[in-house]
Amino acid sequence: MKKYIDIICPISSIKADENITRTTAIFTVFITAVAILINSYIIMLLLAVDFAIRAFSTGRASPLKILAIQTTRILKINNGKRIDAAPKKFAALLGMTFSFLAGLFMIVNLSLTAVIIASMLIFCAFLEGVFSYCVGCVVYTLITKSSGKS
């Protein structure tokens, strides 16, 4: 019988609105796709900065989060359920890393590597935005279990 990994996530007392988180992820999918299509390292590096704002602060200054808040208001999307913000901060740290590396590889003309990394970001953001599935939690679980801290 196959045993599945028990997913563990970082936890905190800070909560986030799931609809805003998912809307931000959808914007990330589109912005990253545009960056790939026009081969723009500037867009990827700006995305890395936005992820850094969300990873290392409350995220109030994040342009994507602000856009997601305004979009949910305009579309009259009700407040989503309150979810733990810690896994989203960890996921933002991963997103920052992916977008920074993709931008860096674009700068040094390693386009295929940049596209692969950016595509991984798109895949993870798509899963979050459409299915509310946090790949960051899976990565966190693998890191924690492999380091023997679980």
Protein backbone atom coordinates (compact mmCIF):
# COMPACT_ATOMS: atom_id res chain seq x y z
CA MET A 1 0.00 0.00 0.00
CA LYS A 2 1.28 3.44 -0.96
CA LYS A 3 1.90 5.88 1.89
CA TYR A 4 1.39 9.54 1.11
CA ILE A 5 3.47 12.27 2.67
CA ASP A 6 1.69 14.14 5.45
CA ILE A 7 1.92 17.76 4.38
CA ILE A 8 3.06 20.20 7.03
CA CYS A 9 3.12 23.95 6.66
CA PRO A 10 4.63 26.81 8.60
CA ILE A 11 1.98 28.32 10.86
CA SER A 12 1.35 31.74 12.36
CA SER A 13 -1.42 33.70 13.95
CA ILE A 14 -1.59 36.04 10.96
CA LYS A 15 -4.41 35.32 8.51
CA ALA A 16 -4.88 36.15 4.82
CA ASP A 17 -7.92 36.33 2.57
CA GLU A 18 -7.87 33.26 0.31
CA ASN A 19 -9.53 35.09 -2.61
CA ILE A 20 -6.90 37.83 -2.60
CA THR A 21 -4.13 35.23 -2.43
CA ARG A 22 -5.60 33.30 -5.34
CA THR A 23 -6.17 36.46 -7.40
CA THR A 24 -2.56 37.49 -6.81
CA ALA A 25 -1.44 34.07 -8.03
CA ILE A 26 -3.49 34.42 -11.23
CA PHE A 27 -1.88 37.82 -11.90
CA THR A 28 1.51 36.16 -11.36
CA VAL A 29 0.67 33.57 -14.03
CA PHE A 30 -0.17 36.26 -16.59
CA ILE A 31 2.74 38.57 -15.74
CA THR A 32 5.26 35.73 -15.88
CA ALA A 33 3.84 34.51 -19.20
CA VAL A 34 4.19 38.02 -20.66
CA ALA A 35 7.76 38.24 -19.37
CA ILE A 36 8.58 34.95 -21.10
CA LEU A 37 6.89 35.97 -24.36
CA ILE A 38 8.73 39.29 -24.61
CA ASN A 39 11.91 37.99 -22.89
CA SER A 40 11.83 40.74 -20.27
CA TYR A 41 14.24 40.34 -17.41
CA ILE A 42 12.98 43.68 -16.04
CA ILE A 43 9.49 42.27 -15.54
CA MET A 44 10.93 39.17 -13.85
CA LEU A 45 13.08 41.23 -11.51
CA LEU A 46 10.16 43.53 -10.66
CA LEU A 47 8.11 40.44 -9.92
CA ALA A 48 10.93 39.24 -7.63
CA VAL A 49 10.73 42.55 -5.77
CA ASP A 50 6.96 42.18 -5.39
CA PHE A 51 7.42 38.65 -4.03
CA ALA A 52 10.08 39.96 -1.63
CA ILE A 53 7.68 42.60 -0.32
CA ARG A 54 5.10 39.88 0.37
CA ALA A 55 7.67 37.46 1.83
CA PHE A 56 9.35 39.86 4.23
CA SER A 57 6.54 42.21 5.27
CA THR A 58 2.78 42.39 5.64
CA GLY A 59 2.57 42.82 1.87
CA ARG A 60 0.60 46.06 2.06
CA ALA A 61 3.07 47.72 -0.33
CA SER A 62 2.95 44.88 -2.86
CA PRO A 63 1.62 46.20 -6.19
CA LEU A 64 0.22 42.76 -7.08
CA LYS A 65 -1.56 42.42 -3.74
CA ILE A 66 -2.99 45.94 -4.10
CA LEU A 67 -4.16 45.05 -7.63
CA ALA A 68 -5.71 41.81 -6.33
CA ILE A 69 -7.54 43.67 -3.56
CA GLN A 70 -8.92 46.21 -6.03
CA THR A 71 -9.87 43.49 -8.52
CA THR A 72 -11.81 41.49 -5.93
CA ARG A 73 -13.62 44.69 -4.88
CA ILE A 74 -14.49 45.70 -8.46
CA LEU A 75 -15.67 42.19 -9.34
CA LYS A 76 -17.55 42.04 -6.04
CA ILE A 77 -15.85 38.82 -5.04
CA ASN A 78 -16.76 38.22 -1.42
CA ASN A 79 -14.09 37.95 1.21
CA GLY A 80 -12.63 34.48 1.09
CA LYS A 81 -12.06 32.24 4.02
CA ARG A 82 -9.29 33.34 6.32
CA ILE A 83 -6.22 31.16 5.81
CA ASP A 84 -2.87 31.00 7.56
CA ALA A 85 -0.49 33.56 6.05
CA ALA A 86 2.76 31.74 6.95
CA PRO A 87 2.60 29.21 4.07
CA LYS A 88 1.90 32.09 1.68
CA LYS A 89 4.98 33.95 2.94
CA PHE A 90 7.09 30.84 2.37
CA ALA A 91 5.56 30.45 -1.10
CA ALA A 92 6.36 34.14 -1.79
CA LEU A 93 9.97 33.42 -0.84
CA LEU A 94 10.01 30.59 -3.40
CA GLY A 95 8.35 32.85 -5.99
CA MET A 96 10.96 35.52 -5.32
CA THR A 97 13.70 32.96 -5.91
CA PHE A 98 12.15 31.63 -9.13
CA SER A 99 11.48 35.07 -10.60
CA PHE A 100 14.92 36.39 -9.61
CA LEU A 101 16.67 33.38 -11.16
CA ALA A 102 14.56 33.57 -14.31
CA GLY A 103 15.43 37.28 -14.65
CA LEU A 104 19.10 36.59 -14.02
CA PHE A 105 19.20 33.82 -16.64
CA MET A 106 17.48 36.16 -19.12
CA ILE A 107 20.20 38.76 -18.48
CA VAL A 108 22.99 36.27 -19.24
CA ASN A 109 21.17 34.95 -22.33
CA LEU A 110 20.37 31.50 -20.95
CA SER A 111 16.86 31.79 -22.32
CA LEU A 112 15.90 28.12 -22.11
CA THR A 113 16.91 27.93 -18.45
CA ALA A 114 14.96 31.13 -17.77
CA VAL A 115 11.88 29.75 -19.51
CA ILE A 116 12.06 26.49 -17.55
CA ILE A 117 12.32 28.31 -14.21
CA ALA A 118 9.61 30.82 -15.14
CA SER A 119 7.38 27.94 -16.29
CA MET A 120 7.80 26.30 -12.89
CA LEU A 121 6.65 29.57 -11.33
CA ILE A 122 3.65 29.68 -13.67
CA PHE A 123 2.76 26.09 -12.78
CA CYS A 124 2.93 26.73 -9.03
CA ALA A 125 0.97 30.00 -9.28
CA PHE A 126 -1.63 28.32 -11.49
CA LEU A 127 -2.16 25.57 -8.92
CA GLU A 128 -2.59 28.18 -6.19
CA GLY A 129 -4.82 30.46 -8.24
CA VAL A 130 -7.12 27.85 -9.72
CA PHE A 131 -7.12 25.00 -7.22
CA SER A 132 -5.91 26.71 -4.02
CA TYR A 133 -3.10 24.12 -3.90
CA CYS A 134 0.05 25.43 -2.25
CA VAL A 135 3.18 23.87 -3.73
CA GLY A 136 5.13 25.85 -1.13
CA CYS A 137 3.66 23.59 1.55
CA VAL A 138 4.93 20.52 -0.28
CA VAL A 139 8.41 22.03 -0.62
CA TYR A 140 8.37 23.09 3.04
CA THR A 141 7.38 19.54 4.03
CA LEU A 142 10.18 17.99 1.98
CA ILE A 143 12.76 20.40 3.42
CA THR A 144 11.56 19.86 6.98
CA LYS A 145 11.35 16.07 6.72
CA SER A 146 14.72 15.77 4.96
CA SER A 147 16.38 17.86 7.67
CA GLY A 148 14.86 15.66 10.40
CA LYS A 149 12.92 18.52 12.01
CA SER A 150 9.44 17.02 11.64
